[in-house]
Protein backbone atom coordinates (compact mmCIF):
# COMPACT_ATOMS: atom_id res chain seq x y z
CA MET A 1 -26.84 -11.68 16.70
CA LEU A 2 -23.42 -12.68 16.85
CA ARG A 3 -21.68 -14.69 14.29
CA GLN A 4 -19.65 -17.80 15.17
CA HIS A 5 -16.63 -18.01 13.22
CA VAL A 6 -13.57 -20.23 12.90
CA ALA A 7 -10.63 -19.17 14.97
CA ILE A 8 -7.69 -18.95 12.48
CA GLY A 9 -4.12 -18.07 13.68
CA VAL A 10 -1.52 -17.22 11.07
CA ALA A 11 2.11 -17.15 11.49
CA ASN A 12 2.40 -14.40 14.14
CA ALA A 13 3.17 -15.28 18.10
CA VAL A 14 2.09 -19.01 16.94
CA ALA A 15 4.80 -18.60 14.43
CA ALA A 16 6.96 -17.44 17.02
CA ALA A 17 6.43 -20.46 19.18
CA GLY A 18 7.29 -22.74 16.26
CA GLU A 19 4.29 -23.32 14.22
CA SER A 20 4.84 -22.78 10.86
CA LEU A 21 2.08 -20.76 8.16
CA CYS A 22 1.20 -24.11 6.62
CA ASP A 23 0.53 -25.54 10.14
CA SER A 24 -1.44 -22.64 11.26
CA LEU A 25 -3.74 -22.68 7.65
CA ARG A 26 -4.40 -26.17 8.43
CA ALA A 27 -5.38 -25.69 12.30
CA ALA A 28 -7.63 -22.76 10.95
CA VAL A 29 -9.69 -24.67 8.64
CA GLY A 30 -10.00 -27.27 10.85
CA ALA A 31 -10.84 -25.67 14.16
CA ALA A 32 -14.26 -25.93 15.70
CA LYS A 33 -16.53 -23.06 15.59
CA GLY A 34 -17.39 -21.39 18.81
CA GLY A 35 -18.94 -18.50 20.18
CA THR A 36 -15.82 -16.27 19.65
CA ALA A 37 -16.52 -12.67 18.94
CA VAL A 38 -15.79 -11.78 15.24
CA LYS A 39 -12.66 -9.99 14.63
CA VAL A 40 -10.30 -7.98 12.41
CA HIS A 41 -8.13 -10.23 10.01
CA VAL A 42 -5.44 -8.03 8.64
CA ILE A 43 -3.71 -9.67 5.69
CA HIS A 44 -0.14 -8.40 5.35
CA GLU A 45 3.67 -9.80 4.98
CA ASN A 46 5.32 -7.32 7.25
CA PRO A 47 5.29 -7.63 10.90
CA ASP A 48 7.33 -4.38 11.28
CA TRP A 49 4.29 -2.22 9.91
CA TYR A 50 1.83 -3.80 12.20
CA PRO A 51 2.22 -2.18 15.57
CA PRO A 52 1.09 1.07 14.98
CA PHE A 53 -2.11 -0.63 14.08
CA ALA A 54 -2.15 -3.14 16.80
CA ALA A 55 -1.80 0.05 18.95
CA ALA A 56 -4.52 1.68 17.33
CA PHE A 57 -6.90 -1.43 17.52
CA GLU A 58 -6.27 -1.72 21.29
CA ALA A 59 -6.82 1.66 21.75
CA GLU A 60 -10.02 1.64 20.13
CA GLY A 61 -10.93 -1.95 21.52
CA VAL A 62 -10.92 -3.77 18.23
CA ASP A 63 -9.83 -7.81 18.40
CA HIS A 64 -7.82 -7.93 15.94
CA GLU A 65 -5.53 -10.95 14.36
CA PRO A 66 -2.47 -10.70 11.53
CA TRP A 67 -2.61 -13.14 9.07
CA LEU A 68 1.02 -13.06 7.46
CA LEU A 69 0.84 -14.62 4.09
CA GLY A 70 3.31 -15.98 1.84
CA ALA A 71 3.71 -19.71 2.09
CA GLY A 72 0.94 -22.52 3.35
CA VAL A 73 -2.34 -24.28 2.57
CA LEU A 74 -5.53 -22.99 1.64
CA ASP A 75 -8.24 -25.36 1.38
CA LEU A 76 -10.67 -23.98 -0.97
CA ASP A 77 -13.51 -26.42 0.39
CA ALA A 78 -13.37 -24.74 3.78
CA GLU A 79 -15.57 -21.88 5.00
CA PRO A 80 -13.64 -18.72 5.94
CA PRO A 81 -14.32 -17.32 9.83
CA HIS A 82 -16.79 -14.70 9.81
CA GLY A 83 -15.55 -11.05 10.60
CA VAL A 84 -13.97 -8.06 8.79
CA PHE A 85 -10.73 -8.74 6.30
CA TRP A 86 -8.06 -5.59 5.99
CA SER A 87 -6.04 -6.47 2.89
CA ARG A 88 -2.66 -4.70 3.34
CA MET A 89 -0.33 -6.80 0.89
CA SER A 90 2.22 -4.60 -0.43
CA ALA A 91 3.75 -4.50 -4.15
CA SER A 92 7.26 -4.26 -2.52
CA ALA A 93 6.75 -7.92 -0.58
CA HIS A 94 9.24 -9.39 -3.18
CA THR A 95 12.03 -7.05 -1.86
CA ARG A 96 11.58 -8.40 1.65
CA GLY A 97 12.00 -12.06 0.70
CA HIS A 98 8.47 -12.86 0.12
CA PRO A 99 7.86 -13.33 -3.52
CA LEU A 100 4.82 -15.59 -3.20
CA ALA A 101 2.82 -13.39 -0.76
CA LYS A 102 1.29 -11.36 -3.70
CA ASP A 103 -0.24 -14.53 -5.23
CA HIS A 104 -1.29 -16.16 -2.07
CA THR A 105 -3.01 -12.78 -1.23
CA ARG A 106 -4.78 -12.87 -4.54
CA SER A 107 -5.88 -16.56 -3.71
CA VAL A 108 -7.08 -15.55 -0.10
CA LEU A 109 -8.97 -12.79 -0.97
CA ASN A 110 -10.77 -14.46 -3.89
CA TRP A 111 -11.77 -17.17 -1.50
CA LEU A 112 -13.04 -14.76 1.05
CA GLU A 113 -15.00 -12.83 -1.39
CA ALA A 114 -16.48 -15.76 -2.86
CA HIS A 115 -17.98 -16.83 0.34
CA GLY A 116 -19.34 -13.13 0.89
CA ARG A 117 -16.95 -11.91 3.48
CA ARG A 118 -16.67 -8.10 3.92
CA VAL A 119 -13.21 -7.44 2.71
CA VAL A 120 -11.64 -3.65 3.10
CA ASN A 121 -9.42 -3.11 0.00
CA GLY A 122 -10.41 -6.30 -1.92
CA ARG A 123 -9.49 -8.12 -4.80
CA ARG A 124 -9.86 -5.28 -7.17
CA VAL A 125 -7.99 -3.03 -4.87
CA LEU A 126 -5.31 -5.58 -4.72
CA GLU A 127 -4.73 -5.33 -8.41
CA LEU A 128 -4.46 -1.39 -8.32
CA GLU A 129 -1.76 -1.71 -5.47
CA MET A 130 0.51 -4.43 -7.67
CA SER A 131 0.42 -2.21 -10.91
CA LYS A 132 1.34 1.48 -11.35
CA ILE A 133 0.01 0.84 -14.84
CA ASP A 134 -3.41 -0.10 -13.20
CA GLN A 135 -3.32 2.87 -11.22
CA LEU A 136 -2.39 5.58 -13.94
CA THR A 137 -4.78 4.65 -16.32
CA ALA A 138 -7.28 4.20 -13.87
CA LEU A 139 -6.56 8.13 -12.71
CA ARG A 140 -6.36 9.41 -16.15
CA ALA A 141 -9.99 7.84 -16.78
CA ALA A 142 -11.12 9.65 -13.78
CA GLY A 143 -9.69 12.93 -15.09
CA ILE A 144 -6.98 13.00 -12.47
CA GLU A 145 -3.60 14.69 -14.24
CA VAL A 146 -0.80 11.57 -14.22
CA PRO A 147 3.06 11.90 -15.59
CA ARG A 148 3.57 10.97 -19.41
CA THR A 149 4.35 7.60 -19.08
CA LEU A 150 5.74 5.01 -21.43
CA ALA A 151 5.40 1.07 -20.27
CA VAL A 152 8.11 -1.25 -21.82
CA VAL A 153 7.79 -4.87 -21.36
CA GLY A 154 11.03 -6.42 -21.09
CA ARG A 155 14.48 -5.03 -21.97
CA ASP A 156 14.46 -4.90 -25.64
CA ALA A 157 12.62 -1.88 -26.42
CA LEU A 158 13.97 0.15 -23.02
CA LEU A 159 16.72 2.32 -24.69
CA GLU A 160 14.28 3.42 -27.74
CA ALA A 161 11.45 4.34 -25.80
CA ALA A 162 13.68 6.55 -23.54
CA ALA A 163 15.15 8.51 -26.23
CA THR A 164 11.61 9.74 -27.49
CA LEU A 165 11.33 11.45 -23.80
CA PRO A 166 12.98 14.62 -23.22
CA ALA A 167 15.70 14.19 -20.88
CA PRO A 168 16.23 14.37 -17.88
CA PHE A 169 13.51 11.35 -17.53
CA ILE A 170 12.54 8.70 -14.73
CA ALA A 171 12.69 5.11 -14.67
CA LYS A 172 10.85 3.04 -12.39
CA HIS A 173 9.51 -0.63 -11.66
CA ASN A 174 5.63 -1.21 -12.35
CA GLN A 175 5.41 -3.27 -9.19
CA GLY A 176 7.44 -1.89 -6.18
CA GLY A 177 7.36 0.46 -3.41
CA LYS A 178 9.18 2.79 -0.82
CA GLY A 179 10.67 4.34 -4.06
CA LEU A 180 12.71 1.24 -4.47
CA GLY A 181 14.01 1.09 -8.24
CA VAL A 182 13.37 4.87 -9.03
CA ALA A 183 15.96 6.64 -10.75
CA LEU A 184 16.54 9.96 -12.52
CA PHE A 185 18.48 9.98 -15.84
CA GLU A 186 20.11 12.87 -17.45
CA SER A 187 20.22 11.17 -20.90
CA VAL A 188 19.74 7.91 -22.40
CA ASP A 189 23.55 6.89 -22.32
CA ALA A 190 23.33 7.49 -18.69
CA PHE A 191 20.29 5.01 -18.59
CA ALA A 192 22.01 2.38 -21.02
CA ASP A 193 24.86 2.49 -18.37
CA HIS A 194 22.71 1.73 -15.71
CA LEU A 195 21.28 -1.29 -17.53
CA GLY A 196 24.40 -2.88 -17.98
CA ALA A 197 25.71 -2.11 -14.36
CA PRO A 198 26.30 -5.54 -12.45
CA ASP A 199 23.97 -4.05 -9.71
CA HIS A 200 21.24 -3.36 -11.90
CA GLN A 201 18.04 -4.91 -10.60
CA PRO A 202 15.11 -5.79 -13.32
CA PRO A 203 11.64 -5.29 -12.56
CA VAL A 204 9.80 -8.27 -10.95
CA ASP A 205 6.90 -8.47 -13.29
CA GLY A 206 9.18 -7.52 -16.53
CA ILE A 207 7.71 -3.82 -16.60
CA THR A 208 9.80 -0.83 -16.36
CA LEU A 209 8.23 2.46 -16.64
CA LEU A 210 9.96 5.57 -18.09
CA GLN A 211 8.22 9.17 -17.02
CA GLU A 212 8.35 12.68 -17.35
CA TYR A 213 10.79 14.42 -14.86
CA LEU A 214 8.30 16.79 -13.06
CA THR A 215 10.24 19.91 -11.63
CA ALA A 216 8.68 21.05 -8.61
CA ALA A 217 7.94 24.21 -7.62
CA GLU A 218 9.00 23.28 -3.89
CA PRO A 219 11.21 20.28 -3.03
CA ARG A 220 8.42 18.09 -1.82
CA ILE A 221 5.55 15.75 -2.49
CA THR A 222 1.95 15.64 -0.64
CA ARG A 223 0.47 12.75 0.21
CA VAL A 224 -3.43 12.60 1.00
CA GLU A 225 -4.56 10.02 3.47
CA ILE A 226 -7.97 8.90 3.06
CA VAL A 227 -10.18 6.59 5.03
CA ASP A 228 -13.31 5.29 4.62
CA GLY A 229 -14.50 7.70 2.03
CA GLU A 230 -12.92 10.87 4.24
CA VAL A 231 -9.66 12.87 4.19
CA VAL A 232 -7.94 12.48 7.36
CA TYR A 233 -5.05 14.91 6.63
CA ALA A 234 -2.38 15.89 4.12
CA LEU A 235 1.33 15.54 4.62
CA THR A 236 4.52 16.57 3.14
CA ALA A 237 7.79 14.66 2.46
CA ASP A 238 10.56 16.42 1.63
CA THR A 239 12.32 15.39 -1.58
CA ALA A 240 15.82 17.32 -1.51
CA ARG A 241 16.75 15.25 1.52
CA GLY A 242 14.61 11.98 0.94
CA GLY A 243 15.00 11.40 -2.77
CA PHE A 244 12.72 8.80 -4.12
CA GLU A 245 12.69 6.58 -1.04
CA LEU A 246 9.88 8.31 1.15
CA CYS A 247 8.36 5.81 3.36
CA PRO A 248 6.62 7.60 6.27
CA ALA A 249 6.62 4.45 8.30
CA GLU A 250 8.67 4.38 11.43
CA ALA A 251 9.92 1.19 10.30
CA CYS A 252 11.16 2.85 7.15
CA ALA A 253 13.35 5.43 8.88
CA VAL A 254 16.79 5.81 8.43
CA ASP A 255 18.89 6.91 11.09
CA GLY A 256 20.16 10.50 10.85
CA GLY A 257 21.09 11.06 13.90
CA PRO A 258 18.69 12.73 17.20
CA LEU A 259 19.01 15.86 15.78
CA ALA A 260 18.10 15.38 11.95
CA PRO A 261 14.63 16.82 11.42
CA SER A 262 12.04 14.79 9.99
CA LEU A 263 11.58 14.40 6.03
CA PHE A 264 7.60 14.74 6.58
CA ALA A 265 5.50 17.44 7.87
CA LEU A 266 1.45 17.91 8.27
CA ARG A 267 0.16 20.01 5.35
CA GLU A 268 -2.16 22.20 7.53
CA GLY A 269 -5.09 23.73 5.71
CA PHE A 270 -4.87 22.16 2.28
CA GLU A 271 -7.78 22.35 0.12
CA HIS A 272 -8.08 21.79 -3.73
CA PRO A 273 -10.48 20.37 -5.91
CA VAL A 274 -8.21 17.08 -6.41
CA LEU A 275 -9.30 15.99 -2.96
CA LYS A 276 -12.96 15.70 -4.38
CA GLN A 277 -11.68 13.94 -7.12
CA TYR A 278 -9.49 11.49 -4.98
CA LEU A 279 -12.35 11.02 -2.80
CA GLU A 280 -14.45 10.01 -5.97
CA PHE A 281 -11.89 8.23 -7.54
CA ALA A 282 -11.83 5.73 -4.03
CA ARG A 283 -15.53 5.26 -3.92
CA ARG A 284 -15.79 3.99 -7.82
CA HIS A 285 -12.61 1.86 -7.17
CA GLY A 286 -13.47 0.30 -3.77
CA VAL A 287 -10.57 2.04 -2.10
CA GLU A 288 -11.24 2.41 1.58
CA VAL A 289 -7.70 3.00 3.18
CA ALA A 290 -5.11 4.53 0.93
CA GLY A 291 -2.65 7.40 0.44
CA PHE A 292 -2.95 9.64 -2.93
CA GLU A 293 0.74 11.28 -3.70
CA PHE A 294 0.99 14.14 -5.94
CA ILE A 295 3.59 17.01 -7.34
CA GLU A 296 2.82 20.51 -8.16
CA THR A 297 5.12 21.91 -10.72
CA THR A 298 6.91 24.70 -11.58
CA ASP A 299 4.47 25.52 -14.45
CA GLY A 300 1.34 25.32 -12.08
CA ARG A 301 0.43 21.45 -12.53
CA LEU A 302 -0.54 19.14 -9.79
CA VAL A 303 0.37 15.86 -11.13
CA THR A 304 -0.84 12.47 -9.33
CA TYR A 305 1.79 9.81 -9.71
CA ASP A 306 0.62 6.99 -6.71
CA VAL A 307 -2.00 5.50 -5.27
CA ASN A 308 -0.78 3.32 -2.08
CA THR A 309 -3.39 0.89 -0.83
CA THR A 310 -1.06 -0.16 2.31
CA THR A 311 -0.53 3.34 3.20
CA ASN A 312 1.45 3.52 6.43
CA TYR A 313 1.64 6.45 8.81
CA ASN A 314 4.37 8.71 10.27
CA PRO A 315 4.19 8.72 13.96
CA GLU A 316 5.43 12.48 14.17
CA VAL A 317 2.85 13.88 11.69
CA ASP A 318 0.00 11.44 13.02
CA ALA A 319 0.61 12.95 16.59
CA ALA A 320 0.56 16.69 15.02
CA ALA A 321 -2.86 15.98 13.10
CA PRO A 322 -6.05 16.68 14.41
CA ARG A 323 -7.21 12.59 13.61
CA SER A 324 -5.00 9.95 13.85
CA GLY A 325 -4.54 7.77 10.62
CA PRO A 326 -4.46 4.38 12.35
CA ARG A 327 -7.39 5.30 14.95
CA GLN A 328 -9.29 6.12 11.96
CA VAL A 329 -8.60 3.01 10.40
CA ALA A 330 -9.36 1.37 14.02
CA ARG A 331 -12.83 3.12 14.26
CA PHE A 332 -13.89 2.27 10.50
CA LEU A 333 -13.10 -1.28 11.38
CA LYS A 334 -15.08 -1.37 14.24
CA ARG A 335 -17.82 0.03 13.06
CA LEU A 336 -17.71 -2.79 10.16
CA LEU A 337 -17.43 -5.30 12.99
CA THR A 338 -20.57 -4.12 14.67
CA GLU A 339 -22.43 -4.67 11.38
CA GLU A 340 -21.38 -7.96 11.01
CA GLU A 341 -22.31 -8.87 14.71
CA THR A 342 -25.63 -7.13 14.07
CA SER A 343 -26.28 -8.45 10.55
């Protein structure tokens, strides 16, 4: 039997017409229940990343609605709409002028899960996205090799901690994305100069990670895309040209001219025991859509350093792959919608 739900409009086309997010949320919780079909509600904060998924939803016949979070009213006495909720809130939201989006999402996911709604990449997964410490400790506990890491809270102990690592070493923010805030330092003195520079940006949560520098056997990292308990494909990113900022989304692309080769390529035929480990990790932690990133080093290690639960797909790689990432996500969510409608 088709479930009834409250139709919620959240700051997309409605906002463009002049209605604020606050007004949209008030309208959502006050709307009359009707016979409209259940839909996928996509929780996020960056409209630039949405078009590939919107296109995939349309191609698969999935009714969808973006929820742009970051401000507004959440009526805790109201009942959420029925449907499927996909959380794509990014740890880098604060770098796009949305400093409240992450805590807003925590509140919304708590509300949804308290009402028993089906949430993909729910509340626990949000914390994995928001903290590299959380990721690294969980990966290590699962037997997956991660970089040697020191987590430093505040500034006072940064130089002392850095001195305990062999040079060169990496510094990065605990909470972030797209490689922002990641830098290589050849010495503690160079790190001290960086910290004292006028353009230094401290981490938003006050936690800096200091990590061993991994020398790659080839100038690339590999990202493994997982959807609904399956590996969709693996792709590589060229670190010689892309450095640390390796967001694969078309919206992140840096214009290198029409003849510039892509930083990203499909890694065909990749087979490794780590794939089974990633799938088991995802199952155990409720991660249903994600990209796992690793480096293969000159001394034969395969070291995983990131779990991206707001994964974006590179259009060129996606076109070359046997299966499309966004289309696999759309099919997965379509199946969940069918389950919701018949439950």
